[in-house]
């Protein structure tokens, strides 16, 4: 029987946002492995954290992750399961929602 590949941290980023960009922190982390030139994501989490906007869930305004054995979305203190098609699609969904939230905070429409 083949031993499963060992996962490792593939990518990690943390950005402190200036007030004109909505303030807060963007955090991103991806774990997985590469096999035969293809990347397999095993764990991920991404979050927009801003205590000035949300005091619940450690300030997480928006987040996506697959902790606790399922893919889910955090929004302003609530958590709900979400469909997962691919990691790339989830990142794109997170980015679009984060931009919309920041634009709404700044009084702009998306």
PDB file of N, CA and C in Angstrom:
ATOM      1  N   UNK A   1       0.847  -1.178   0.000  1.00  0.00           N
ATOM      2  CA  UNK A   1       0.000   0.000   0.000  1.00  0.00           C
ATOM      3  C   UNK A   1       0.893   1.242   0.000  1.00  0.00           C
ATOM      4  N   UNK A   2       0.554   2.201  -0.835  1.00  0.00           N
ATOM      5  CA  UNK A   2       1.338   3.417  -0.997  1.00  0.00           C
ATOM      6  C   UNK A   2       1.118   4.380   0.170  1.00  0.00           C
ATOM      7  N   UNK A   3       2.220   4.923   0.651  1.00  0.00           N
ATOM      8  CA  UNK A   3       2.154   5.897   1.743  1.00  0.00           C
ATOM      9  C   UNK A   3       1.660   7.234   1.194  1.00  0.00           C
ATOM     10  N   UNK A   4       0.687   7.887   1.873  1.00  0.00           N
ATOM     11  CA  UNK A   4       0.194   9.177   1.379  1.00  0.00           C
ATOM     12  C   UNK A   4       1.300  10.233   1.457  1.00  0.00           C
ATOM     13  N   UNK A   5       1.315  11.168   0.509  1.00  0.00           N
ATOM     14  CA  UNK A   5       2.340  12.209   0.521  1.00  0.00           C
ATOM     15  C   UNK A   5       2.227  13.069   1.786  1.00  0.00           C
ATOM     16  N   UNK A   6       3.354  13.563   2.237  1.00  0.00           N
ATOM     17  CA  UNK A   6       3.372  14.430   3.414  1.00  0.00           C
ATOM     18  C   UNK A   6       2.990  15.842   2.994  1.00  0.00           C
ATOM     19  N   UNK A   7       2.024  16.410   3.701  1.00  0.00           N
ATOM     20  CA  UNK A   7       1.628  17.774   3.382  1.00  0.00           C
ATOM     21  C   UNK A   7       2.621  18.762   3.994  1.00  0.00           C
ATOM     22  N   UNK A   8       2.705  19.920   3.364  1.00  0.00           N
ATOM     23  CA  UNK A   8       3.557  20.987   3.878  1.00  0.00           C
ATOM     24  C   UNK A   8       2.888  22.323   3.579  1.00  0.00           C
ATOM     25  N   UNK A   9       3.388  23.360   4.226  1.00  0.00           N
ATOM     26  CA  UNK A   9       2.868  24.702   3.996  1.00  0.00           C
ATOM     27  C   UNK A   9       3.300  25.145   2.607  1.00  0.00           C
ATOM     28  N   UNK A  10       2.334  25.382   1.726  1.00  0.00           N
ATOM     29  CA  UNK A  10       2.619  25.772   0.342  1.00  0.00           C
ATOM     30  C   UNK A  10       2.674  27.280   0.165  1.00  0.00           C
ATOM     31  N   UNK A  11       1.832  27.986   0.913  1.00  0.00           N
ATOM     32  CA  UNK A  11       1.764  29.432   0.765  1.00  0.00           C
ATOM     33  C   UNK A  11       1.195  30.046   2.042  1.00  0.00           C
ATOM     34  N   UNK A  12       1.742  31.211   2.398  1.00  0.00           N
ATOM     35  CA  UNK A  12       1.262  31.910   3.579  1.00  0.00           C
ATOM     36  C   UNK A  12       1.470  33.402   3.358  1.00  0.00           C
ATOM     37  N   UNK A  13       0.446  34.193   3.668  1.00  0.00           N
ATOM     38  CA  UNK A  13       0.552  35.644   3.499  1.00  0.00           C
ATOM     39  C   UNK A  13      -0.277  36.332   4.568  1.00  0.00           C
ATOM     40  N   UNK A  14       0.201  37.509   4.971  1.00  0.00           N
ATOM     41  CA  UNK A  14      -0.522  38.340   5.932  1.00  0.00           C
ATOM     42  C   UNK A  14      -0.281  39.786   5.526  1.00  0.00           C
ATOM     43  N   UNK A  15      -1.368  40.517   5.295  1.00  0.00           N
ATOM     44  CA  UNK A  15      -1.267  41.904   4.849  1.00  0.00           C
ATOM     45  C   UNK A  15      -2.075  42.798   5.779  1.00  0.00           C
ATOM     46  N   UNK A  16      -1.408  43.796   6.346  1.00  0.00           N
ATOM     47  CA  UNK A  16      -2.107  44.794   7.141  1.00  0.00           C
ATOM     48  C   UNK A  16      -2.569  45.880   6.179  1.00  0.00           C
ATOM     49  N   UNK A  17      -3.866  46.136   6.166  1.00  0.00           N
ATOM     50  CA  UNK A  17      -4.449  47.066   5.207  1.00  0.00           C
ATOM     51  C   UNK A  17      -4.517  48.476   5.770  1.00  0.00           C
ATOM     52  N   UNK A  18      -4.212  49.434   4.936  1.00  0.00           N
ATOM     53  CA  UNK A  18      -4.338  50.839   5.321  1.00  0.00           C
ATOM     54  C   UNK A  18      -5.817  51.192   5.400  1.00  0.00           C
ATOM     55  N   UNK A  19      -6.137  52.220   6.167  1.00  0.00           N
ATOM     56  CA  UNK A  19      -7.529  52.644   6.349  1.00  0.00           C
ATOM     57  C   UNK A  19      -8.209  52.907   5.014  1.00  0.00           C
ATOM     58  N   UNK A  20      -7.515  53.521   4.061  1.00  0.00           N
ATOM     59  CA  UNK A  20      -8.137  53.814   2.770  1.00  0.00           C
ATOM     60  C   UNK A  20      -8.477  52.540   1.991  1.00  0.00           C
ATOM     61  N   UNK A  21      -7.887  51.414   2.388  1.00  0.00           N
ATOM     62  CA  UNK A  21      -8.200  50.121   1.775  1.00  0.00           C
ATOM     63  C   UNK A  21      -9.146  49.309   2.643  1.00  0.00           C
ATOM     64  N   UNK A  22      -9.776  49.939   3.622  1.00  0.00           N
ATOM     65  CA  UNK A  22     -10.737  49.249   4.475  1.00  0.00           C
ATOM     66  C   UNK A  22     -10.227  48.932   5.858  1.00  0.00           C
ATOM     67  N   UNK A  23      -8.916  48.997   6.055  1.00  0.00           N
ATOM     68  CA  UNK A  23      -8.340  48.661   7.349  1.00  0.00           C
ATOM     69  C   UNK A  23      -8.428  47.173   7.628  1.00  0.00           C
ATOM     70  N   UNK A  24      -7.798  46.742   8.693  1.00  0.00           N
ATOM     71  CA  UNK A  24      -7.844  45.345   9.083  1.00  0.00           C
ATOM     72  C   UNK A  24      -6.689  44.545   8.512  1.00  0.00           C
ATOM     73  N   UNK A  25      -6.865  43.224   8.485  1.00  0.00           N
ATOM     74  CA  UNK A  25      -5.824  42.295   8.065  1.00  0.00           C
ATOM     75  C   UNK A  25      -6.412  41.286   7.095  1.00  0.00           C
ATOM     76  N   UNK A  26      -5.675  40.977   6.036  1.00  0.00           N
ATOM     77  CA  UNK A  26      -5.984  39.854   5.148  1.00  0.00           C
ATOM     78  C   UNK A  26      -4.983  38.752   5.470  1.00  0.00           C
ATOM     79  N   UNK A  27      -5.486  37.552   5.692  1.00  0.00           N
ATOM     80  CA  UNK A  27      -4.620  36.420   6.035  1.00  0.00           C
ATOM     81  C   UNK A  27      -4.962  35.239   5.129  1.00  0.00           C
ATOM     82  N   UNK A  28      -3.922  34.523   4.673  1.00  0.00           N
ATOM     83  CA  UNK A  28      -4.099  33.430   3.726  1.00  0.00           C
ATOM     84  C   UNK A  28      -3.077  32.344   4.025  1.00  0.00           C
ATOM     85  N   UNK A  29      -3.522  31.089   4.049  1.00  0.00           N
ATOM     86  CA  UNK A  29      -2.629  29.972   4.316  1.00  0.00           C
ATOM     87  C   UNK A  29      -3.120  28.742   3.557  1.00  0.00           C
ATOM     88  N   UNK A  30      -2.187  28.051   2.908  1.00  0.00           N
ATOM     89  CA  UNK A  30      -2.523  26.849   2.131  1.00  0.00           C
ATOM     90  C   UNK A  30      -1.535  25.740   2.466  1.00  0.00           C
ATOM     91  N   UNK A  31      -2.069  24.564   2.754  1.00  0.00           N
ATOM     92  CA  UNK A  31      -1.266  23.365   3.008  1.00  0.00           C
ATOM     93  C   UNK A  31      -1.589  22.333   1.943  1.00  0.00           C
ATOM     94  N   UNK A  32      -0.635  21.495   1.605  1.00  0.00           N
ATOM     95  CA  UNK A  32      -0.876  20.441   0.637  1.00  0.00           C
ATOM     96  C   UNK A  32       0.419  19.787   0.211  1.00  0.00           C
ATOM     97  N   UNK A  33       0.413  19.262  -0.994  1.00  0.00           N
ATOM     98  CA  UNK A  33       1.605  18.605  -1.532  1.00  0.00           C
ATOM     99  C   UNK A  33       1.599  18.707  -3.046  1.00  0.00           C
ATOM    100  N   UNK A  34       2.760  18.494  -3.632  1.00  0.00           N
ATOM    101  CA  UNK A  34       2.909  18.492  -5.082  1.00  0.00           C
ATOM    102  C   UNK A  34       3.337  17.091  -5.488  1.00  0.00           C
ATOM    103  N   UNK A  35       2.614  16.550  -6.463  1.00  0.00           N
ATOM    104  CA  UNK A  35       2.918  15.204  -6.944  1.00  0.00           C
ATOM    105  C   UNK A  35       2.830  15.199  -8.460  1.00  0.00           C
ATOM    106  N   UNK A  36       3.882  14.737  -9.112  1.00  0.00           N
ATOM    107  CA  UNK A  36       3.940  14.705 -10.584  1.00  0.00           C
ATOM    108  C   UNK A  36       3.621  16.071 -11.185  1.00  0.00           C
ATOM    109  N   UNK A  37       4.121  17.124 -10.547  1.00  0.00           N
ATOM    110  CA  UNK A  37       3.930  18.477 -11.061  1.00  0.00           C
ATOM    111  C   UNK A  37       2.559  19.083 -10.796  1.00  0.00           C
ATOM    112  N   UNK A  38       1.692  18.368 -10.101  1.00  0.00           N
ATOM    113  CA  UNK A  38       0.350  18.877  -9.811  1.00  0.00           C
ATOM    114  C   UNK A  38       0.225  19.166  -8.312  1.00  0.00           C
ATOM    115  N   UNK A  39      -0.377  20.320  -7.984  1.00  0.00           N
ATOM    116  CA  UNK A  39      -0.542  20.724  -6.593  1.00  0.00           C
ATOM    117  C   UNK A  39      -1.884  20.229  -6.055  1.00  0.00           C
ATOM    118  N   UNK A  40      -1.840  19.615  -4.891  1.00  0.00           N
ATOM    119  CA  UNK A  40      -3.039  19.137  -4.208  1.00  0.00           C
ATOM    120  C   UNK A  40      -3.173  19.902  -2.898  1.00  0.00           C
ATOM    121  N   UNK A  41      -4.272  20.638  -2.737  1.00  0.00           N
ATOM    122  CA  UNK A  41      -4.523  21.400  -1.522  1.00  0.00           C
ATOM    123  C   UNK A  41      -5.264  20.503  -0.541  1.00  0.00           C
ATOM    124  N   UNK A  42      -4.707  20.372   0.661  1.00  0.00           N
ATOM    125  CA  UNK A  42      -5.342  19.550   1.691  1.00  0.00           C
ATOM    126  C   UNK A  42      -6.030  20.400   2.760  1.00  0.00           C
ATOM    127  N   UNK A  43      -5.433  21.558   3.059  1.00  0.00           N
ATOM    128  CA  UNK A  43      -6.020  22.464   4.050  1.00  0.00           C
ATOM    129  C   UNK A  43      -5.820  23.896   3.576  1.00  0.00           C
ATOM    130  N   UNK A  44      -6.760  24.753   3.952  1.00  0.00           N
ATOM    131  CA  UNK A  44      -6.627  26.165   3.601  1.00  0.00           C
ATOM    132  C   UNK A  44      -7.433  27.010   4.576  1.00  0.00           C
ATOM    133  N   UNK A  45      -7.039  28.258   4.692  1.00  0.00           N
ATOM    134  CA  UNK A  45      -7.866  29.232   5.400  1.00  0.00           C
ATOM    135  C   UNK A  45      -7.500  30.607   4.878  1.00  0.00           C
ATOM    136  N   UNK A  46      -8.509  31.426   4.727  1.00  0.00           N
ATOM    137  CA  UNK A  46      -8.319  32.808   4.300  1.00  0.00           C
ATOM    138  C   UNK A  46      -9.320  33.639   5.079  1.00  0.00           C
ATOM    139  N   UNK A  47      -8.887  34.832   5.478  1.00  0.00           N
ATOM    140  CA  UNK A  47      -9.762  35.648   6.323  1.00  0.00           C
ATOM    141  C   UNK A  47      -9.487  37.121   6.134  1.00  0.00           C
ATOM    142  N   UNK A  48     -10.568  37.887   6.245  1.00  0.00           N
ATOM    143  CA  UNK A  48     -10.481  39.338   6.364  1.00  0.00           C
ATOM    144  C   UNK A  48     -10.867  39.629   7.805  1.00  0.00           C
ATOM    145  N   UNK A  49      -9.931  40.180   8.571  1.00  0.00           N
ATOM    146  CA  UNK A  49     -10.127  40.435   9.993  1.00  0.00           C
ATOM    147  C   UNK A  49     -10.105  41.938  10.220  1.00  0.00           C
ATOM    148  N   UNK A  50     -11.153  42.432  10.877  1.00  0.00           N
ATOM    149  CA  UNK A  50     -11.214  43.857  11.171  1.00  0.00           C
ATOM    150  C   UNK A  50     -12.094  44.043  12.402  1.00  0.00           C
ATOM    151  N   UNK A  51     -11.463  44.225  13.552  1.00  0.00           N
ATOM    152  CA  UNK A  51     -12.188  44.376  14.818  1.00  0.00           C
ATOM    153  C   UNK A  51     -13.133  45.580  14.803  1.00  0.00           C
ATOM    154  N   UNK A  52     -12.827  46.598  13.996  1.00  0.00           N
ATOM    155  CA  UNK A  52     -13.684  47.785  13.923  1.00  0.00           C
ATOM    156  C   UNK A  52     -15.001  47.488  13.209  1.00  0.00           C
ATOM    157  N   UNK A  53     -15.033  46.425  12.439  1.00  0.00           N
ATOM    158  CA  UNK A  53     -16.231  46.051  11.678  1.00  0.00           C
ATOM    159  C   UNK A  53     -16.998  44.938  12.377  1.00  0.00           C
ATOM    160  N   UNK A  54     -16.274  43.976  12.950  1.00  0.00           N
ATOM    161  CA  UNK A  54     -16.915  42.817  13.586  1.00  0.00           C
ATOM    162  C   UNK A  54     -16.162  42.445  14.855  1.00  0.00           C
ATOM    163  N   UNK A  55     -16.857  42.398  15.970  1.00  0.00           N
ATOM    164  CA  UNK A  55     -16.210  42.021  17.230  1.00  0.00           C
ATOM    165  C   UNK A  55     -16.365  40.526  17.516  1.00  0.00           C
ATOM    166  N   UNK A  56     -17.198  39.837  16.755  1.00  0.00           N
ATOM    167  CA  UNK A  56     -17.412  38.394  16.940  1.00  0.00           C
ATOM    168  C   UNK A  56     -16.336  37.612  16.189  1.00  0.00           C
ATOM    169  N   UNK A  57     -16.204  36.329  16.514  1.00  0.00           N
ATOM    170  CA  UNK A  57     -15.327  35.411  15.771  1.00  0.00           C
ATOM    171  C   UNK A  57     -13.906  35.971  15.645  1.00  0.00           C
ATOM    172  N   UNK A  58     -13.402  36.544  16.726  1.00  0.00           N
ATOM    173  CA  UNK A  58     -12.051  37.130  16.761  1.00  0.00           C
ATOM    174  C   UNK A  58     -11.841  38.200  15.704  1.00  0.00           C
ATOM    175  N   UNK A  59     -12.903  38.925  15.370  1.00  0.00           N
ATOM    176  CA  UNK A  59     -12.797  40.010  14.405  1.00  0.00           C
ATOM    177  C   UNK A  59     -12.870  39.577  12.955  1.00  0.00           C
ATOM    178  N   UNK A  60     -13.155  38.301  12.728  1.00  0.00           N
ATOM    179  CA  UNK A  60     -13.217  37.795  11.351  1.00  0.00           C
ATOM    180  C   UNK A  60     -14.504  38.291  10.700  1.00  0.00           C
ATOM    181  N   UNK A  61     -14.354  39.191   9.754  1.00  0.00           N
ATOM    182  CA  UNK A  61     -15.490  39.715   9.001  1.00  0.00           C
ATOM    183  C   UNK A  61     -15.913  38.674   7.970  1.00  0.00           C
ATOM    184  N   UNK A  62     -14.927  38.107   7.280  1.00  0.00           N
ATOM    185  CA  UNK A  62     -15.175  37.128   6.220  1.00  0.00           C
ATOM    186  C   UNK A  62     -14.062  36.107   6.246  1.00  0.00           C
ATOM    187  N   UNK A  63     -14.396  34.852   6.028  1.00  0.00           N
ATOM    188  CA  UNK A  63     -13.365  33.822   5.961  1.00  0.00           C
ATOM    189  C   UNK A  63     -13.875  32.560   5.299  1.00  0.00           C
ATOM    190  N   UNK A  64     -12.950  31.825   4.731  1.00  0.00           N
ATOM    191  CA  UNK A  64     -13.234  30.505   4.168  1.00  0.00           C
ATOM    192  C   UNK A  64     -12.157  29.557   4.673  1.00  0.00           C
ATOM    193  N   UNK A  65     -12.556  28.343   5.051  1.00  0.00           N
ATOM    194  CA  UNK A  65     -11.576  27.325   5.415  1.00  0.00           C
ATOM    195  C   UNK A  65     -12.218  25.951   5.362  1.00  0.00           C
ATOM    196  N   UNK A  66     -11.382  24.933   5.537  1.00  0.00           N
ATOM    197  CA  UNK A  66     -11.905  23.568   5.545  1.00  0.00           C
ATOM    198  C   UNK A  66     -11.512  22.845   6.837  1.00  0.00           C
ATOM    199  N   UNK A  67     -11.377  23.603   7.915  1.00  0.00           N
ATOM    200  CA  UNK A  67     -11.113  22.991   9.219  1.00  0.00           C
ATOM    201  C   UNK A  67     -12.345  22.212   9.679  1.00  0.00           C
ATOM    202  N   UNK A  68     -12.175  21.335  10.619  1.00  0.00           N
ATOM    203  CA  UNK A  68     -13.273  20.568  11.213  1.00  0.00           C
ATOM    204  C   UNK A  68     -13.934  19.615  10.212  1.00  0.00           C
ATOM    205  N   UNK A  69     -13.222  19.286   9.117  1.00  0.00           N
ATOM    206  CA  UNK A  69     -13.705  18.267   8.197  1.00  0.00           C
ATOM    207  C   UNK A  69     -14.715  18.702   7.152  1.00  0.00           C
ATOM    208  N   UNK A  70     -14.949  20.006   7.003  1.00  0.00           N
ATOM    209  CA  UNK A  70     -15.863  20.443   5.952  1.00  0.00           C
ATOM    210  C   UNK A  70     -15.512  21.865   5.509  1.00  0.00           C
ATOM    211  N   UNK A  71     -15.909  22.192   4.294  1.00  0.00           N
ATOM    212  CA  UNK A  71     -15.671  23.520   3.738  1.00  0.00           C
ATOM    213  C   UNK A  71     -16.763  24.457   4.262  1.00  0.00           C
ATOM    214  N   UNK A  72     -16.329  25.611   4.772  1.00  0.00           N
ATOM    215  CA  UNK A  72     -17.318  26.526   5.318  1.00  0.00           C
ATOM    216  C   UNK A  72     -16.878  27.980   5.191  1.00  0.00           C
ATOM    217  N   UNK A  73     -17.874  28.851   5.348  1.00  0.00           N
ATOM    218  CA  UNK A  73     -17.699  30.293   5.200  1.00  0.00           C
ATOM    219  C   UNK A  73     -18.070  30.966   6.517  1.00  0.00           C
ATOM    220  N   UNK A  74     -17.214  31.872   6.942  1.00  0.00           N
ATOM    221  CA  UNK A  74     -17.473  32.698   8.118  1.00  0.00           C
ATOM    222  C   UNK A  74     -17.898  34.071   7.617  1.00  0.00           C
ATOM    223  N   UNK A  75     -18.941  34.626   8.214  1.00  0.00           N
ATOM    224  CA  UNK A  75     -19.333  35.987   7.872  1.00  0.00           C
ATOM    225  C   UNK A  75     -19.930  36.656   9.102  1.00  0.00           C
ATOM    226  N   UNK A  76     -19.241  37.656   9.607  1.00  0.00           N
ATOM    227  CA  UNK A  76     -19.732  38.489  10.712  1.00  0.00           C
ATOM    228  C   UNK A  76     -20.234  37.651  11.900  1.00  0.00           C
ATOM    229  N   UNK A  77     -19.497  36.620  12.258  1.00  0.00           N
ATOM    230  CA  UNK A  77     -19.830  35.825  13.431  1.00  0.00           C
ATOM    231  C   UNK A  77     -20.644  34.574  13.173  1.00  0.00           C
ATOM    232  N   UNK A  78     -21.144  34.397  11.952  1.00  0.00           N
ATOM    233  CA  UNK A  78     -21.894  33.168  11.660  1.00  0.00           C
ATOM    234  C   UNK A  78     -21.043  32.263  10.759  1.00  0.00           C
ATOM    235  N   UNK A  79     -21.331  30.985  10.817  1.00  0.00           N
ATOM    236  CA  UNK A  79     -20.593  29.993  10.030  1.00  0.00           C
ATOM    237  C   UNK A  79     -21.606  29.129   9.300  1.00  0.00           C
ATOM    238  N   UNK A  80     -21.351  28.904   8.004  1.00  0.00           N
ATOM    239  CA  UNK A  80     -22.241  28.044   7.226  1.00  0.00           C
ATOM    240  C   UNK A  80     -21.428  27.203   6.258  1.00  0.00           C
ATOM    241  N   UNK A  81     -21.881  25.978   6.029  1.00  0.00           N
ATOM    242  CA  UNK A  81     -21.221  25.114   5.053  1.00  0.00           C
ATOM    243  C   UNK A  81     -21.338  25.754   3.677  1.00  0.00           C
ATOM    244  N   UNK A  82     -20.347  25.518   2.836  1.00  0.00           N
ATOM    245  CA  UNK A  82     -20.402  26.072   1.482  1.00  0.00           C
ATOM    246  C   UNK A  82     -19.927  25.022   0.477  1.00  0.00           C
ATOM    247  N   UNK A  83     -20.390  25.177  -0.739  1.00  0.00           N
ATOM    248  CA  UNK A  83     -19.967  24.278  -1.813  1.00  0.00           C
ATOM    249  C   UNK A  83     -18.507  24.536  -2.142  1.00  0.00           C
ATOM    250  N   UNK A  84     -17.802  23.484  -2.476  1.00  0.00           N
ATOM    251  CA  UNK A  84     -16.398  23.588  -2.841  1.00  0.00           C
ATOM    252  C   UNK A  84     -16.222  22.966  -4.220  1.00  0.00           C
ATOM    253  N   UNK A  85     -15.765  23.769  -5.173  1.00  0.00           N
ATOM    254  CA  UNK A  85     -15.476  23.269  -6.513  1.00  0.00           C
ATOM    255  C   UNK A  85     -13.976  23.102  -6.671  1.00  0.00           C
ATOM    256  N   UNK A  86     -13.235  24.152  -6.299  1.00  0.00           N
ATOM    257  CA  UNK A  86     -11.772  24.100  -6.361  1.00  0.00           C
ATOM    258  C   UNK A  86     -11.210  25.168  -5.436  1.00  0.00           C
ATOM    259  N   UNK A  87      -9.938  25.024  -5.132  1.00  0.00           N
ATOM    260  CA  UNK A  87      -9.305  26.027  -4.286  1.00  0.00           C
ATOM    261  C   UNK A  87      -9.255  27.375  -5.006  1.00  0.00           C
ATOM    262  N   UNK A  88      -8.954  27.360  -6.282  1.00  0.00           N
ATOM    263  CA  UNK A  88      -8.887  28.600  -7.066  1.00  0.00           C
ATOM    264  C   UNK A  88     -10.232  29.318  -7.030  1.00  0.00           C
ATOM    265  N   UNK A  89     -11.324  28.590  -7.222  1.00  0.00           N
ATOM    266  CA  UNK A  89     -12.650  29.222  -7.184  1.00  0.00           C
ATOM    267  C   UNK A  89     -12.947  29.807  -5.801  1.00  0.00           C
ATOM    268  N   UNK A  90     -12.550  29.114  -4.761  1.00  0.00           N
ATOM    269  CA  UNK A  90     -12.787  29.609  -3.405  1.00  0.00           C
ATOM    270  C   UNK A  90     -12.006  30.896  -3.157  1.00  0.00           C
ATOM    271  N   UNK A  91     -10.763  30.957  -3.606  1.00  0.00           N
ATOM    272  CA  UNK A  91      -9.955  32.175  -3.470  1.00  0.00           C
ATOM    273  C   UNK A  91     -10.610  33.321  -4.237  1.00  0.00           C
ATOM    274  N   UNK A  92     -11.069  33.052  -5.446  1.00  0.00           N
ATOM    275  CA  UNK A  92     -11.733  34.093  -6.248  1.00  0.00           C
ATOM    276  C   UNK A  92     -13.009  34.582  -5.573  1.00  0.00           C
ATOM    277  N   UNK A  93     -13.783  33.669  -4.997  1.00  0.00           N
ATOM    278  CA  UNK A  93     -15.018  34.038  -4.294  1.00  0.00           C
ATOM    279  C   UNK A  93     -14.686  34.912  -3.084  1.00  0.00           C
ATOM    280  N   UNK A  94     -13.662  34.507  -2.325  1.00  0.00           N
ATOM    281  CA  UNK A  94     -13.239  35.287  -1.161  1.00  0.00           C
ATOM    282  C   UNK A  94     -12.817  36.696  -1.586  1.00  0.00           C
ATOM    283  N   UNK A  95     -12.002  36.795  -2.612  1.00  0.00           N
ATOM    284  CA  UNK A  95     -11.522  38.103  -3.066  1.00  0.00           C
ATOM    285  C   UNK A  95     -12.671  39.004  -3.510  1.00  0.00           C
ATOM    286  N   UNK A  96     -13.610  38.459  -4.256  1.00  0.00           N
ATOM    287  CA  UNK A  96     -14.749  39.253  -4.728  1.00  0.00           C
ATOM    288  C   UNK A  96     -15.591  39.747  -3.548  1.00  0.00           C
ATOM    289  N   UNK A  97     -15.835  38.867  -2.580  1.00  0.00           N
ATOM    290  CA  UNK A  97     -16.633  39.259  -1.421  1.00  0.00           C
ATOM    291  C   UNK A  97     -15.901  40.283  -0.567  1.00  0.00           C
ATOM    292  N   UNK A  98     -14.586  40.103  -0.380  1.00  0.00           N
ATOM    293  CA  UNK A  98     -13.818  41.050   0.410  1.00  0.00           C
ATOM    294  C   UNK A  98     -13.857  42.437  -0.234  1.00  0.00           C
ATOM    295  N   UNK A  99     -13.670  42.499  -1.533  1.00  0.00           N
ATOM    296  CA  UNK A  99     -13.711  43.786  -2.244  1.00  0.00           C
ATOM    297  C   UNK A  99     -15.077  44.438  -2.090  1.00  0.00           C
ATOM    298  N   UNK A 100     -16.139  43.657  -2.193  1.00  0.00           N
ATOM    299  CA  UNK A 100     -17.489  44.203  -2.026  1.00  0.00           C
ATOM    300  C   UNK A 100     -17.693  44.746  -0.613  1.00  0.00           C
ATOM    301  N   UNK A 101     -17.220  44.027   0.391  1.00  0.00           N
ATOM    302  CA  UNK A 101     -17.346  44.480   1.778  1.00  0.00           C
ATOM    303  C   UNK A 101     -16.600  45.797   1.968  1.00  0.00           C
ATOM    304  N   UNK A 102     -15.378  45.874   1.492  1.00  0.00           N
ATOM    305  CA  UNK A 102     -14.573  47.094   1.646  1.00  0.00           C
ATOM    306  C   UNK A 102     -15.218  48.261   0.900  1.00  0.00           C
ATOM    307  N   UNK A 103     -15.714  48.005  -0.303  1.00  0.00           N
ATOM    308  CA  UNK A 103     -16.392  49.082  -1.045  1.00  0.00           C
ATOM    309  C   UNK A 103     -17.627  49.570  -0.297  1.00  0.00           C
ATOM    310  N   UNK A 104     -18.368  48.664   0.305  1.00  0.00           N
ATOM    311  CA  UNK A 104     -19.540  49.058   1.090  1.00  0.00           C
ATOM    312  C   UNK A 104     -19.132  49.864   2.325  1.00  0.00           C
ATOM    313  N   UNK A 105     -18.032  49.482   2.948  1.00  0.00           N
ATOM    314  CA  UNK A 105     -17.532  50.234   4.109  1.00  0.00           C
ATOM    315  C   UNK A 105     -17.136  51.642   3.715  1.00  0.00           C
ATOM    316  N   UNK A 106     -16.603  51.785   2.518  1.00  0.00           N
ATOM    317  CA  UNK A 106     -16.175  53.101   2.034  1.00  0.00           C
ATOM    318  C   UNK A 106     -17.331  53.868   1.366  1.00  0.00           C
ATOM    319  N   UNK A 107     -18.519  53.244   1.318  1.00  0.00           N
ATOM    320  CA  UNK A 107     -19.695  53.919   0.748  1.00  0.00           C
ATOM    321  C   UNK A 107     -19.742  53.878  -0.760  1.00  0.00           C
ATOM    322  N   UNK A 108     -19.044  52.909  -1.366  1.00  0.00           N
ATOM    323  CA  UNK A 108     -19.047  52.771  -2.818  1.00  0.00           C
ATOM    324  C   UNK A 108     -19.821  51.526  -3.181  1.00  0.00           C
ATOM    325  N   UNK A 109     -20.418  51.538  -4.355  1.00  0.00           N
ATOM    326  CA  UNK A 109     -21.066  50.322  -4.835  1.00  0.00           C
ATOM    327  C   UNK A 109     -20.050  49.535  -5.638  1.00  0.00           C
ATOM    328  N   UNK A 110     -20.202  48.209  -5.666  1.00  0.00           N
ATOM    329  CA  UNK A 110     -19.231  47.367  -6.369  1.00  0.00           C
ATOM    330  C   UNK A 110     -19.510  47.254  -7.839  1.00  0.00           C
TER     331      UNK A 110
END
